[in-house]
Every structure is written in C-alpha cells, then in structure tokens.
Amino acid sequence: MADNLEEKQSDPIDVQHYLGLARRRHLHFLIPLLAGWLIVFALSWVLPPRYRSGTLILVEQPTMPKDYVTPNVNDDLQERLQSITQQILSRTRLLHIIDGQNLYADNRVQLTAEEKVERMRKDIEIELVRDAQGRVNAFNVYYVSRDARTAQKVTTELTNLFINENLEVRQHQSEDTTRFLEEQLDTARQTLNKQESRIREFKSQHVGELPAQLESNLQILNGLQSQLRTEEDALNNAKQQRVYLQTLADQYRTLRISSGDGGAPGSLPAIDQELDHLKAQLADLSSHYTEKHPDLRKLKDQITKTERMRDQLLSAASANPGSTTLDTGTQPPALAQLQSQLLSNQAEIANREHAIEQLKVKINEYQGRLNQEPVREQQLADLTLGYDQSKANYDELLKKKNESAMATSMELLQQGERFRVVDPPSLPVKPDFPNRLKFCLIGLGVGMALGLAFAAGSEMLDERLYTEKDITRLLPVPVLCEIPVISESAQTVPTKVGWRGWTTAAVVIAALLAGSLFSYWRG
C-alpha cells in the first residue's frame, strides 16, 4: 500500500484525465454555477435599496489669533465632538427628526419609539478626518435611508444640529468659565478685604510701633533726650539761682538791722558777684542759642532786675548815711523784688521738674515703642505675607476673568472655532446597499462553489470506468489487449455532447455578462 501511495505521489499530472472530467461533468458544473449566480443576483434586486447621503464639515479655527484672545473652552476637538454627538443622538433629538420626516413608518412592522431611535442611531455614521499630524480638522456625517431624498434631508438636519450645537456648547462652556472665574474673583476679593481690614486694625492698634515709624521714633527720642538735658541744665541753673536769691535776701534783711557802715558795703559785693555770674552765664547761652530763646531772654531780664536792685541799694545807702536801722513797718522795694524773684524761681523749678517728668515718661514710651518694633515687624510681616498672597491670587483671577470675558464675547460674536459645511449633503443616485455589482461577483463565487461541489459529487458517485488506467487499477494482472465497441452512431454522440456543452457554457457566460452590465448601469 505504501508502494501504491508512493507511485501516486510520483505520478505526473494527468491532463487527459482532467480534460475528460471536464467533458463529462461540464453540465454538472455550469448549471449549478448559473443557478447559484441567479439566486444571488435575484436577491440583490429583491432586497430593499438603502441610499447613503453624506456631507463634509470643516473645523475652522478662530478668526482672532490666540496671542490676542485666548479661548476659554475645551481645546480637545475629538472629546468635544463626542460630547456633541451624544447630545445629537439623544432620544429627544432623534424622535424630533423621526416625527418630522416620518421615518421608519412601515405599515407591516409597527416599531416602538425606542426601536426607531435605535435603528436611526445605526443608520447614522460619523467619520473623523485627520491631518498629517493626526489632528482632527474635519469630519463626515452620513445617513442611510430607503429613500434618497429622505437621506439627504435627514443629513441636512444632522449637519445643522452639529453646527448649532457646536456654537451652543462653546458659548455655554465659555459663559460657564467666565461665571466660575467671577465667583472665584468675588471670593478672592472678600479674602483680600479681610486681609486689608486686619492690617488696618493692626496698624491702628499699634500706632508708633510699626517698622515704617522707626526712623521718626528715633528722631523724636533723640529730640526728647536733648530737651531733657536742656531742662535738667535749666533746672540746675534755677536751683543755683534760688540759692543765690535766698542768700541775697538774707543779706538784705541783715542790712536792715545792722548799722549803715557795714550793711551796704557787705551786700554790694554779693550783688556784683551775682551780676558777674549772670553775665558769664549769658555769654555761654548766647554761644548756643539765638536771641529769641526763652532761657536767654529770661536771663537778660534777671540781669536787668539785679542791676536795678543794685542801684536801689546804692541810692538807699546814700540817702540815709547816718541811720542805724531801717523802717521795719514798710518793706523796701529791693526786698520785695527779691521775694518776687524767689517766688518766680520756685515756680520755675516746679515747672522744670514737671517738664522733666513728662519728658521722661515720653522717653520711656518711645523707648518701649522701639523695643516692640521687632515684634510688630514680625507680626506685620505675617499679615503682609497673607495679604500679598491674596493680592497676587486676586490679580491673577482678575486677569483670567478679563481674558475669559473677552473670549466669551468672541464666542457670542461667532468669531471662535466653528464648523463650516464644505460639501453639502449629497443626493445619492445609486443605492449604497445592495451593491448589485458586488452581488454579481459574490453570486459568481457562490455558483462556482456549487458547480465544483456538484461536479465532484457526481464524479465520486459514478462507478463507471472511462480510461485504461481505471481498468488497470482494478485488475490484478496486466491487460494484453482490448476490444473496442463497434457502434454506428459512435461518431455523432461526441459531436452532440460537444455542441451541447459549448452552448450551455455560452448561455451561462452571456447571462453572467449581461447581469453584470445591467447591475453596473442600473445598480
């Protein structure tokens, strides 16, 4: 058996065997071929035609450059297009189109609203068009219907929906963005106002302790310290003057109870000494202050009064050279003047001491302000940091809000990204389904498969022997000779069979060509 298998595998292709097979089984092949093709061809004319209308919509970029007006809507066109498609394919929108165009009104089959919507969704097709960089710059909208004009009308409605919905979506998104930024801006404004109120309250509570007042506080403190030194010097002078006036008054009283020889000469040297002291003090103050200084003017008045008192003493001594006592019933003008000067001196001392106490209080106050300045600086820095952050956030939101408002105005004026119809919805001339030319080719393939199956089956079921090789395979011994069949009509039978085969083949080929041409021109 293995030897027979090797012999079969090594045998060359028997052309005569296949030619004989074709002569015997050509009708078994051609008739199923024609039948299969006719069935598919007829089916293409029985199926209801479906027309496909389409339009091309271009995505136009904003007319205003992005450097001038930045759009405030989603830049992902594909994502936005998906959202718009979902809204257009919603049940409400599609039912409105179905009722308006009376779609799917088949009297044989009553469809529910949900079934109609589902069928229409299947009949709609959205095809994206991308550029070389893979970005979406256009898209096609297709709709399939059994009527060509209905397909065109529905495609027109879908196109208008896409254009209008895109404008509404962009305007809505732009307005929502602007409204959101306005709300954020109001919140930031409230936060900024609170920060400003805290800073104002802090400054009002710590007036004089703020870092900005450091220099002025130092200057005021230096001025107060200088005034304190001046007041202390003036107080010391007033105290010395009080000692002098008290001594002078005592000497004058002594002069009244003493003899005239020793009274006047004993008091005049003291007055002369005091005048010298006052004049020296006047010279010292004149080198430091102007003529309008209060201390300098007061010192000049004191010198004038002392000189007047000296003149009175001299005139009193010369008028009573021999008197031993003065009239105690009346007080001399000089003594009264001395007592008046003492009272004035005491008031001056009290005023100086009070002024010194006030200056010390003020110095302590300003010294405390300077000591608190680092603490207030840190507290103010913390408040200012929060204010600066709130101010920066407010300025940023204000800028974004203004830009968003401009973008919203641009969208309302339809100057943003928009859809424009490049190719209007087409009126289909030939149905998109069924493609009858394709059905012809499919029928040809189906017919060939049926023909080959019938021919092969007939050959396998036929037990007759047609060639010498068939007989050789059956007999165990070689064939020595064979006796041919003698028949009068042996020459006519092959001729009839040949003409019948050629005629059938011509009919089949003619039918195939005629059907294909008819499908091409009328399909």
Protein backbone atom coordinates (compact mmCIF):
# COMPACT_ATOMS: atom_id res chain seq x y z
CA MET A 1 0.00 0.00 0.00
CA ALA A 2 2.88 2.28 0.76
CA ASP A 3 4.30 1.46 -2.69
CA ASN A 4 0.98 2.45 -4.33
CA LEU A 5 0.93 5.69 -2.38
CA GLU A 6 4.47 6.49 -3.47
CA GLU A 7 3.50 5.70 -7.06
CA LYS A 8 0.51 8.08 -6.88
CA GLN A 9 2.63 10.81 -5.42
CA SER A 10 5.31 10.34 -8.06
CA ASP A 11 2.82 10.23 -10.98
CA PRO A 12 2.81 13.43 -13.09
CA ILE A 13 -0.37 15.48 -13.53
CA ASP A 14 -2.69 13.68 -15.90
CA VAL A 15 -4.03 16.40 -18.17
CA GLN A 16 -6.11 13.98 -20.20
CA HIS A 17 -7.85 12.83 -17.04
CA TYR A 18 -8.94 16.34 -16.14
CA LEU A 19 -9.97 17.11 -19.71
CA GLY A 20 -12.10 14.00 -19.73
CA LEU A 21 -13.56 15.00 -16.40
CA ALA A 22 -14.43 18.42 -17.79
CA ARG A 23 -16.08 16.90 -20.85
CA ARG A 24 -18.12 14.54 -18.70
CA ARG A 25 -19.09 16.94 -15.90
CA HIS A 26 -19.36 20.36 -17.59
CA LEU A 27 -23.13 20.38 -17.26
CA HIS A 28 -22.88 19.43 -13.59
CA PHE A 29 -20.66 22.49 -13.16
CA LEU A 30 -22.33 25.06 -15.44
CA ILE A 31 -25.94 24.51 -14.35
CA PRO A 32 -25.24 24.94 -10.56
CA LEU A 33 -22.97 27.87 -11.42
CA LEU A 34 -25.79 29.61 -13.27
CA ALA A 35 -28.35 28.66 -10.62
CA GLY A 36 -26.21 29.96 -7.73
CA TRP A 37 -25.45 33.18 -9.57
CA LEU A 38 -29.10 33.71 -10.47
CA ILE A 39 -30.16 33.24 -6.86
CA VAL A 40 -27.69 35.83 -5.54
CA PHE A 41 -28.36 38.19 -8.47
CA ALA A 42 -32.09 37.99 -7.89
CA LEU A 43 -31.58 38.52 -4.19
CA SER A 44 -29.75 41.82 -4.92
CA TRP A 45 -32.85 43.07 -6.75
CA VAL A 46 -35.27 41.77 -4.13
CA LEU A 47 -33.55 43.39 -1.13
CA PRO A 48 -34.81 46.94 -0.45
CA PRO A 49 -32.28 49.57 -1.54
CA ARG A 50 -30.66 51.85 1.01
CA TYR A 51 -29.31 55.25 -0.05
CA ARG A 52 -26.44 56.92 1.74
CA SER A 53 -26.16 60.71 1.90
CA GLY A 54 -23.04 62.38 3.29
CA THR A 55 -21.55 65.80 3.97
CA LEU A 56 -18.11 67.08 4.88
CA ILE A 57 -17.87 69.60 7.75
CA LEU A 58 -14.64 71.56 8.16
CA VAL A 59 -13.44 72.73 11.59
CA GLU A 60 -12.42 76.38 11.16
CA GLN A 61 -10.00 77.90 13.64
CA PRO A 62 -10.83 81.18 15.45
CA THR A 63 -10.51 84.32 13.37
CA MET A 64 -8.76 86.11 16.26
CA PRO A 65 -5.18 84.95 16.95
CA LYS A 66 -4.64 83.16 20.24
CA ASP A 67 -1.97 85.72 21.16
CA TYR A 68 -4.71 88.36 21.40
CA VAL A 69 -7.67 86.36 22.71
CA THR A 70 -7.12 83.01 24.39
CA PRO A 71 -10.13 80.63 24.01
CA ASN A 72 -11.65 79.52 27.31
CA VAL A 73 -13.27 76.30 26.10
CA ASN A 74 -12.01 72.75 25.79
CA ASP A 75 -9.34 72.54 23.05
CA ASP A 76 -9.77 68.77 22.59
CA LEU A 77 -11.93 68.75 19.46
CA GLN A 78 -12.35 64.98 19.44
CA GLU A 79 -13.64 64.95 23.02
CA ARG A 80 -15.97 67.87 22.36
CA LEU A 81 -17.18 66.24 19.13
CA GLN A 82 -18.00 63.07 21.05
CA SER A 83 -20.00 65.10 23.54
CA ILE A 84 -21.87 66.89 20.75
CA THR A 85 -22.56 63.56 19.01
CA GLN A 86 -24.02 62.09 22.19
CA GLN A 87 -26.31 65.08 22.57
CA ILE A 88 -27.45 64.93 18.95
CA LEU A 89 -28.03 61.13 19.16
CA SER A 90 -30.11 61.55 22.27
CA ARG A 91 -33.61 60.13 22.30
CA THR A 92 -35.33 63.54 22.29
CA ARG A 93 -33.39 64.90 19.31
CA LEU A 94 -33.78 61.77 17.20
CA LEU A 95 -37.50 61.42 17.92
CA HIS A 96 -37.97 65.01 16.78
CA ILE A 97 -36.28 64.18 13.45
CA ILE A 98 -38.17 60.87 13.13
CA ASP A 99 -41.53 62.55 13.65
CA GLY A 100 -40.66 65.46 11.36
CA GLN A 101 -39.50 63.26 8.47
CA ASN A 102 -41.93 60.39 9.18
CA LEU A 103 -39.09 57.89 9.31
CA TYR A 104 -39.47 54.13 9.79
CA ALA A 105 -43.21 54.31 9.17
CA ASP A 106 -43.55 50.72 7.92
CA ASN A 107 -47.14 49.50 7.95
CA ARG A 108 -46.06 45.89 8.01
CA VAL A 109 -43.95 46.23 11.16
CA GLN A 110 -45.00 48.53 13.99
CA LEU A 111 -41.90 49.78 15.79
CA THR A 112 -41.81 51.36 19.20
CA ALA A 113 -40.17 54.73 19.80
CA GLU A 114 -37.13 53.09 21.35
CA GLU A 115 -36.73 50.73 18.39
CA LYS A 116 -36.97 53.63 15.95
CA VAL A 117 -34.32 55.58 17.85
CA GLU A 118 -32.04 52.54 17.93
CA ARG A 119 -32.44 51.96 14.19
CA MET A 120 -31.70 55.60 13.42
CA ARG A 121 -28.56 55.50 15.55
CA LYS A 122 -27.37 52.55 13.48
CA ASP A 123 -28.14 54.44 10.25
CA ILE A 124 -26.03 57.46 11.31
CA GLU A 125 -22.26 57.38 10.90
CA ILE A 126 -19.69 59.98 11.99
CA GLU A 127 -16.26 59.71 10.36
CA LEU A 128 -13.34 61.85 11.59
CA VAL A 129 -10.83 63.32 9.14
CA ARG A 130 -7.28 63.84 10.44
CA ASP A 131 -4.35 65.79 9.06
CA ALA A 132 -0.73 64.65 8.73
CA GLN A 133 -0.09 65.31 12.44
CA GLY A 134 -3.08 63.18 13.46
CA ARG A 135 -5.24 66.15 14.50
CA VAL A 136 -8.94 66.26 13.66
CA ASN A 137 -9.60 69.06 11.18
CA ALA A 138 -12.88 67.86 9.62
CA PHE A 139 -15.48 65.11 9.85
CA ASN A 140 -18.09 63.44 7.66
CA VAL A 141 -21.73 62.89 8.58
CA TYR A 142 -23.57 60.04 6.84
CA TYR A 143 -27.17 58.85 6.97
CA VAL A 144 -28.67 55.79 5.26
CA SER A 145 -32.32 55.59 4.20
CA ARG A 146 -34.50 53.71 1.74
CA ASP A 147 -35.33 56.99 0.00
CA ALA A 148 -32.59 59.15 -1.50
CA ARG A 149 -34.25 62.50 -0.77
CA THR A 150 -35.08 61.47 2.77
CA ALA A 151 -31.45 60.57 3.31
CA GLN A 152 -30.43 64.00 2.02
CA LYS A 153 -32.98 65.83 4.20
CA VAL A 154 -32.01 63.96 7.35
CA THR A 155 -28.32 64.55 6.66
CA THR A 156 -29.06 68.26 6.26
CA GLU A 157 -30.84 68.32 9.62
CA LEU A 158 -27.98 66.47 11.29
CA THR A 159 -25.50 68.92 9.76
CA ASN A 160 -27.42 71.90 11.10
CA LEU A 161 -27.62 70.24 14.50
CA PHE A 162 -23.85 69.75 14.59
CA ILE A 163 -23.17 73.38 13.60
CA ASN A 164 -25.70 74.87 16.02
CA GLU A 165 -24.81 72.52 18.85
CA ASN A 166 -21.14 73.35 18.50
CA LEU A 167 -21.91 77.07 18.79
CA GLU A 168 -24.17 76.48 21.80
CA VAL A 169 -21.67 74.18 23.50
CA ARG A 170 -18.78 76.61 23.01
CA GLN A 171 -20.85 79.58 24.17
CA HIS A 172 -22.17 77.64 27.16
CA GLN A 173 -18.71 76.43 28.15
CA SER A 174 -17.28 79.92 27.69
CA GLU A 175 -20.02 81.53 29.79
CA ASP A 176 -19.65 78.88 32.48
CA THR A 177 -15.90 79.50 32.59
CA THR A 178 -16.40 83.26 32.90
CA ARG A 179 -19.09 82.79 35.56
CA PHE A 180 -16.83 80.44 37.53
CA LEU A 181 -13.96 82.92 37.38
CA GLU A 182 -16.28 85.71 38.53
CA GLU A 183 -17.31 83.63 41.55
CA GLN A 184 -13.70 82.85 42.36
CA LEU A 185 -12.86 86.53 41.92
CA ASP A 186 -15.60 87.54 44.39
CA THR A 187 -14.26 85.04 46.92
CA ALA A 188 -10.72 86.32 46.42
CA ARG A 189 -11.97 89.93 46.77
CA GLN A 190 -13.64 89.09 50.09
CA THR A 191 -10.49 87.38 51.33
CA LEU A 192 -8.41 90.38 50.24
CA ASN A 193 -10.75 92.79 52.02
CA LYS A 194 -10.45 90.75 55.21
CA GLN A 195 -6.67 90.86 54.93
CA GLU A 196 -6.77 94.62 54.40
CA SER A 197 -9.07 95.05 57.42
CA ARG A 198 -6.71 93.03 59.59
CA ILE A 199 -3.75 95.13 58.51
CA ARG A 200 -5.62 98.40 59.11
CA GLU A 201 -6.78 97.20 62.52
CA PHE A 202 -3.26 96.12 63.41
CA LYS A 203 -1.81 99.48 62.36
CA SER A 204 -4.46 101.40 64.27
CA GLN A 205 -3.81 99.34 67.41
CA HIS A 206 -0.04 99.77 67.24
CA VAL A 207 0.41 103.34 66.10
CA GLY A 208 4.00 104.41 66.63
CA GLU A 209 5.30 100.82 66.90
CA LEU A 210 5.32 100.00 63.22
CA PRO A 211 8.55 99.38 61.28
CA ALA A 212 7.83 102.34 58.99
CA GLN A 213 7.90 104.68 62.02
CA LEU A 214 11.29 103.52 63.28
CA GLU A 215 13.22 106.49 61.92
CA SER A 216 10.68 109.02 63.16
CA ASN A 217 10.64 107.36 66.59
CA LEU A 218 14.43 107.56 66.75
CA GLN A 219 14.37 111.21 65.78
CA ILE A 220 11.66 112.01 68.32
CA LEU A 221 13.54 110.08 71.01
CA ASN A 222 16.75 111.96 70.27
CA GLY A 223 14.83 115.25 70.40
CA LEU A 224 13.21 114.31 73.72
CA GLN A 225 16.56 113.31 75.19
CA SER A 226 18.03 116.63 74.03
CA GLN A 227 15.10 118.51 75.63
CA LEU A 228 15.61 116.51 78.81
CA ARG A 229 19.24 117.52 79.02
CA THR A 230 18.27 121.15 78.39
CA GLU A 231 15.58 121.03 81.06
CA GLU A 232 17.94 119.42 83.54
CA ASP A 233 20.56 122.09 82.87
CA ALA A 234 17.93 124.80 83.26
CA LEU A 235 16.74 123.17 86.49
CA ASN A 236 20.25 123.16 87.89
CA ASN A 237 20.64 126.83 86.97
CA ALA A 238 17.29 127.63 88.59
CA LYS A 239 18.33 125.85 91.76
CA GLN A 240 21.61 127.77 91.85
CA GLN A 241 19.66 130.97 91.25
CA ARG A 242 17.37 130.09 94.16
CA VAL A 243 20.40 129.66 96.45
CA TYR A 244 21.77 132.96 95.31
CA LEU A 245 18.49 134.84 95.71
CA GLN A 246 17.92 133.32 99.13
CA THR A 247 21.40 134.38 100.18
CA LEU A 248 20.82 137.88 98.79
CA ALA A 249 17.53 138.21 100.61
CA ASP A 250 19.12 137.10 103.85
CA GLN A 251 21.88 139.63 103.44
CA TYR A 252 19.36 142.37 102.70
CA ARG A 253 17.42 141.55 105.84
CA THR A 254 20.64 141.64 107.78
CA LEU A 255 21.29 145.05 106.29
CA ARG A 256 18.08 146.41 107.80
CA ILE A 257 19.05 145.52 111.38
CA SER A 258 22.69 146.31 111.07
CA SER A 259 24.45 149.62 111.02
CA GLY A 260 24.72 151.66 107.90
CA ASP A 261 28.54 151.38 107.79
CA GLY A 262 28.66 147.69 107.41
CA GLY A 263 25.34 146.98 105.69
CA ALA A 264 25.72 148.40 102.20
CA PRO A 265 29.32 147.51 101.60
CA GLY A 266 28.63 143.98 102.79
CA SER A 267 25.71 143.38 100.30
CA LEU A 268 27.06 145.14 97.24
CA PRO A 269 29.92 142.70 96.66
CA ALA A 270 27.48 139.82 96.63
CA ILE A 271 25.29 141.59 94.08
CA ASP A 272 28.30 142.44 91.96
CA GLN A 273 29.40 138.81 92.14
CA GLU A 274 25.94 137.65 91.10
CA LEU A 275 25.94 140.08 88.18
CA ASP A 276 29.28 138.73 87.01
CA HIS A 277 27.93 135.18 87.27
CA LEU A 278 24.76 136.03 85.33
CA LYS A 279 26.71 137.83 82.61
CA ALA A 280 29.05 134.85 82.24
CA GLN A 281 26.05 132.57 82.01
CA LEU A 282 24.52 134.92 79.40
CA ALA A 283 27.68 134.78 77.33
CA ASP A 284 27.63 130.97 77.49
CA LEU A 285 23.98 130.70 76.41
CA SER A 286 24.46 133.27 73.63
CA SER A 287 27.04 130.98 72.04
CA HIS A 288 24.47 128.14 71.87
CA TYR A 289 21.07 129.81 71.27
CA THR A 290 19.63 132.73 69.42
CA GLU A 291 18.32 135.94 70.93
CA LYS A 292 14.74 134.62 70.86
CA HIS A 293 15.46 131.61 73.06
CA PRO A 294 13.28 131.68 76.22
CA ASP A 295 16.18 130.93 78.61
CA LEU A 296 18.31 133.59 77.06
CA ARG A 297 15.52 136.21 77.33
CA LYS A 298 14.76 135.22 80.90
CA LEU A 299 18.43 135.53 81.84
CA LYS A 300 18.56 139.02 80.38
CA ASP A 301 15.51 140.03 82.43
CA GLN A 302 17.14 138.64 85.56
CA ILE A 303 20.33 140.67 84.90
CA THR A 304 18.22 143.80 84.41
CA LYS A 305 16.38 143.23 87.69
CA THR A 306 19.64 142.56 89.56
CA GLU A 307 21.20 145.74 88.22
CA ARG A 308 18.07 147.68 89.24
CA MET A 309 18.26 146.21 92.74
CA ARG A 310 21.95 147.17 92.98
CA ASP A 311 21.07 150.74 92.00
CA GLN A 312 18.32 150.87 94.64
CA LEU A 313 20.72 149.66 97.35
CA LEU A 314 23.22 152.31 96.39
CA SER A 315 20.57 155.04 96.39
CA ALA A 316 19.19 153.89 99.78
CA ALA A 317 22.64 153.89 101.36
CA SER A 318 23.45 157.36 100.04
CA ALA A 319 20.06 158.78 101.21
CA ASN A 320 20.45 157.60 104.91
CA PRO A 321 24.15 157.59 105.69
CA GLY A 322 23.74 158.07 109.45
CA SER A 323 20.73 155.90 110.14
CA THR A 324 21.30 152.80 112.19
CA THR A 325 18.07 150.99 111.38
CA LEU A 326 15.59 150.84 108.57
CA ASP A 327 11.90 151.32 108.96
CA THR A 328 10.51 147.87 109.69
CA GLY A 329 6.96 148.99 109.16
CA THR A 330 7.45 149.23 105.40
CA GLN A 331 9.18 146.76 103.12
CA PRO A 332 11.81 148.19 100.80
CA PRO A 333 11.26 147.77 97.06
CA ALA A 334 14.53 145.81 96.72
CA LEU A 335 13.48 143.18 99.23
CA ALA A 336 10.07 142.89 97.66
CA GLN A 337 11.73 142.40 94.31
CA LEU A 338 13.95 139.68 95.78
CA GLN A 339 10.98 137.88 97.26
CA SER A 340 9.17 138.16 93.93
CA GLN A 341 12.19 136.68 92.19
CA LEU A 342 12.28 133.85 94.73
CA LEU A 343 8.65 133.03 94.10
CA SER A 344 9.23 133.14 90.38
CA ASN A 345 12.30 130.95 90.82
CA GLN A 346 10.35 128.39 92.83
CA ALA A 347 7.62 128.29 90.17
CA GLU A 348 10.27 127.87 87.50
CA ILE A 349 11.85 124.99 89.43
CA ALA A 350 8.47 123.30 89.81
CA ASN A 351 7.72 123.75 86.10
CA ARG A 352 11.14 122.42 85.16
CA GLU A 353 10.71 119.36 87.36
CA HIS A 354 7.23 118.71 85.95
CA ALA A 355 8.53 119.08 82.39
CA ILE A 356 11.40 116.70 83.17
CA GLU A 357 8.95 114.12 84.49
CA GLN A 358 6.82 114.40 81.36
CA LEU A 359 9.88 114.13 79.16
CA LYS A 360 10.99 111.02 81.00
CA VAL A 361 7.52 109.48 80.53
CA LYS A 362 7.62 110.24 76.82
CA ILE A 363 11.17 108.92 76.52
CA ASN A 364 10.11 105.69 78.21
CA GLU A 365 7.11 105.49 75.89
CA TYR A 366 9.20 105.89 72.74
CA GLN A 367 11.85 103.57 74.12
CA GLY A 368 9.10 100.98 74.59
CA ARG A 369 7.96 101.53 71.01
CA LEU A 370 11.47 100.90 69.78
CA ASN A 371 11.68 97.76 71.89
CA GLN A 372 8.37 96.49 70.45
CA GLU A 373 9.35 97.29 66.88
CA PRO A 374 10.93 93.83 66.07
CA VAL A 375 7.83 92.06 67.40
CA ARG A 376 5.47 94.31 65.43
CA GLU A 377 7.64 93.90 62.36
CA GLN A 378 7.29 90.11 62.51
CA GLN A 379 3.54 90.32 63.13
CA LEU A 380 3.08 92.80 60.30
CA ALA A 381 5.25 90.64 58.02
CA ASP A 382 2.95 87.65 58.68
CA LEU A 383 -0.13 89.73 57.92
CA THR A 384 1.50 91.28 54.86
CA LEU A 385 2.53 87.86 53.54
CA GLY A 386 -1.08 86.68 53.64
CA TYR A 387 -2.20 89.94 52.05
CA ASP A 388 0.42 89.67 49.28
CA GLN A 389 -0.64 86.13 48.52
CA SER A 390 -4.30 87.15 48.44
CA LYS A 391 -3.44 90.15 46.27
CA ALA A 392 -1.46 88.02 43.81
CA ASN A 393 -4.31 85.50 43.66
CA TYR A 394 -6.81 88.30 43.13
CA ASP A 395 -4.74 89.90 40.35
CA GLU A 396 -4.30 86.56 38.62
CA LEU A 397 -8.02 85.79 38.81
CA LEU A 398 -8.86 89.29 37.61
CA LYS A 399 -6.59 88.84 34.60
CA LYS A 400 -8.08 85.42 33.79
CA LYS A 401 -11.60 86.74 34.26
CA ASN A 402 -10.99 89.62 31.84
CA GLU A 403 -9.44 87.26 29.29
CA SER A 404 -12.34 84.85 29.71
CA ALA A 405 -14.84 87.68 29.28
CA MET A 406 -13.13 88.65 26.00
CA ALA A 407 -13.20 85.03 24.85
CA THR A 408 -16.91 84.82 25.74
CA SER A 409 -17.59 87.95 23.71
CA MET A 410 -15.70 86.40 20.81
CA GLU A 411 -17.80 83.22 21.06
CA LEU A 412 -21.04 85.22 21.22
CA LEU A 413 -19.97 87.06 18.06
CA GLN A 414 -19.23 83.64 16.49
CA GLN A 415 -15.59 84.52 15.95
CA GLY A 416 -14.29 81.39 17.69
CA GLU A 417 -13.78 77.88 16.39
CA ARG A 418 -16.77 76.85 14.29
CA PHE A 419 -17.99 74.20 11.86
CA ARG A 420 -18.43 75.04 8.18
CA VAL A 421 -20.04 72.83 5.55
CA VAL A 422 -17.58 72.12 2.75
CA ASP A 423 -19.66 69.62 0.79
CA PRO A 424 -23.45 69.99 1.12
CA PRO A 425 -25.43 66.82 1.85
CA SER A 426 -25.40 64.79 -1.35
CA LEU A 427 -28.43 63.38 -3.14
CA PRO A 428 -27.46 59.75 -3.76
CA VAL A 429 -28.18 58.46 -7.27
CA LYS A 430 -27.30 54.82 -6.68
CA PRO A 431 -28.09 52.85 -3.55
CA ASP A 432 -25.30 52.21 -1.13
CA PHE A 433 -26.83 48.81 -0.37
CA PRO A 434 -27.17 46.42 -2.01
CA ASN A 435 -24.18 46.91 -4.33
CA ARG A 436 -25.50 44.82 -7.16
CA LEU A 437 -22.19 44.63 -8.98
CA LYS A 438 -20.62 43.18 -5.86
CA PHE A 439 -23.57 40.83 -5.54
CA CYS A 440 -22.82 39.62 -9.11
CA LEU A 441 -19.27 38.82 -8.11
CA ILE A 442 -20.47 37.15 -4.92
CA GLY A 443 -23.04 35.16 -6.94
CA LEU A 444 -20.28 34.11 -9.33
CA GLY A 445 -18.27 32.81 -6.41
CA VAL A 446 -21.26 31.04 -4.91
CA GLY A 447 -22.15 29.48 -8.30
CA MET A 448 -18.58 28.28 -8.87
CA ALA A 449 -18.54 26.71 -5.42
CA LEU A 450 -21.86 24.95 -6.11
CA GLY A 451 -20.71 23.82 -9.57
CA LEU A 452 -17.47 22.37 -8.26
CA ALA A 453 -19.34 20.65 -5.45
CA PHE A 454 -21.91 19.10 -7.83
CA ALA A 455 -19.26 18.06 -10.36
CA ALA A 456 -17.05 16.50 -7.70
CA GLY A 457 -20.01 14.73 -6.09
CA SER A 458 -21.22 13.33 -9.40
CA GLU A 459 -17.77 12.07 -10.25
CA MET A 460 -17.37 10.42 -6.87
CA LEU A 461 -20.75 8.69 -7.10
CA ASP A 462 -20.20 7.46 -10.70
CA GLU A 463 -18.78 3.87 -10.67
CA ARG A 464 -18.19 3.57 -14.43
CA LEU A 465 -14.70 3.14 -15.91
CA TYR A 466 -13.61 5.66 -18.51
CA THR A 467 -9.86 5.16 -19.03
CA GLU A 468 -7.29 2.37 -19.31
CA LYS A 469 -5.77 3.42 -16.02
CA ASP A 470 -9.10 2.84 -14.26
CA ILE A 471 -9.18 -0.74 -15.60
CA THR A 472 -5.52 -1.33 -14.73
CA ARG A 473 -6.10 -0.35 -11.13
CA LEU A 474 -8.94 -2.88 -10.80
CA LEU A 475 -7.27 -5.94 -12.48
CA PRO A 476 -4.53 -7.88 -10.65
CA VAL A 477 -2.78 -8.83 -13.96
CA PRO A 478 -1.64 -6.66 -16.87
CA VAL A 479 -4.04 -6.17 -19.82
CA LEU A 480 -2.81 -7.76 -23.05
CA CYS A 481 -5.43 -6.33 -25.43
CA GLU A 482 -8.86 -4.68 -25.58
CA ILE A 483 -11.79 -4.96 -27.99
CA PRO A 484 -13.37 -1.60 -28.93
CA VAL A 485 -17.14 -1.10 -29.01
CA ILE A 486 -18.49 -1.03 -32.55
CA SER A 487 -21.44 1.34 -33.00
CA GLU A 488 -22.93 3.08 -35.98
CA SER A 489 -23.52 6.36 -34.05
CA ALA A 490 -20.11 6.44 -32.39
CA GLN A 491 -19.10 9.49 -34.39
CA THR A 492 -22.27 11.53 -33.76
CA VAL A 493 -22.55 11.17 -29.97
CA PRO A 494 -19.35 13.10 -29.08
CA THR A 495 -20.33 15.80 -31.51
CA LYS A 496 -23.74 16.28 -29.89
CA VAL A 497 -22.20 16.30 -26.47
CA GLY A 498 -19.63 18.93 -27.51
CA TRP A 499 -22.18 21.29 -29.07
CA ARG A 500 -24.46 20.96 -26.05
CA GLY A 501 -21.60 21.81 -23.68
CA TRP A 502 -20.46 24.78 -25.68
CA THR A 503 -23.98 26.09 -25.96
CA THR A 504 -24.56 25.78 -22.22
CA ALA A 505 -21.24 27.50 -21.49
CA ALA A 506 -22.10 30.32 -23.89
CA VAL A 507 -25.50 30.79 -22.29
CA VAL A 508 -24.01 30.89 -18.80
CA ILE A 509 -21.27 33.34 -19.80
CA ALA A 510 -23.75 35.55 -21.64
CA ALA A 511 -26.06 35.58 -18.63
CA LEU A 512 -23.20 36.48 -16.33
CA LEU A 513 -22.02 39.31 -18.55
CA ALA A 514 -25.50 40.65 -19.15
CA GLY A 515 -26.35 40.57 -15.47
CA SER A 516 -23.07 42.29 -14.52
CA LEU A 517 -23.52 45.05 -17.10
CA PHE A 518 -27.13 45.59 -16.07
CA SER A 519 -26.10 45.78 -12.42
CA TYR A 520 -23.38 48.28 -13.26
CA TRP A 521 -25.59 50.62 -15.23
CA ARG A 522 -28.81 50.32 -13.24
CA GLY A 523 -27.48 49.26 -9.83
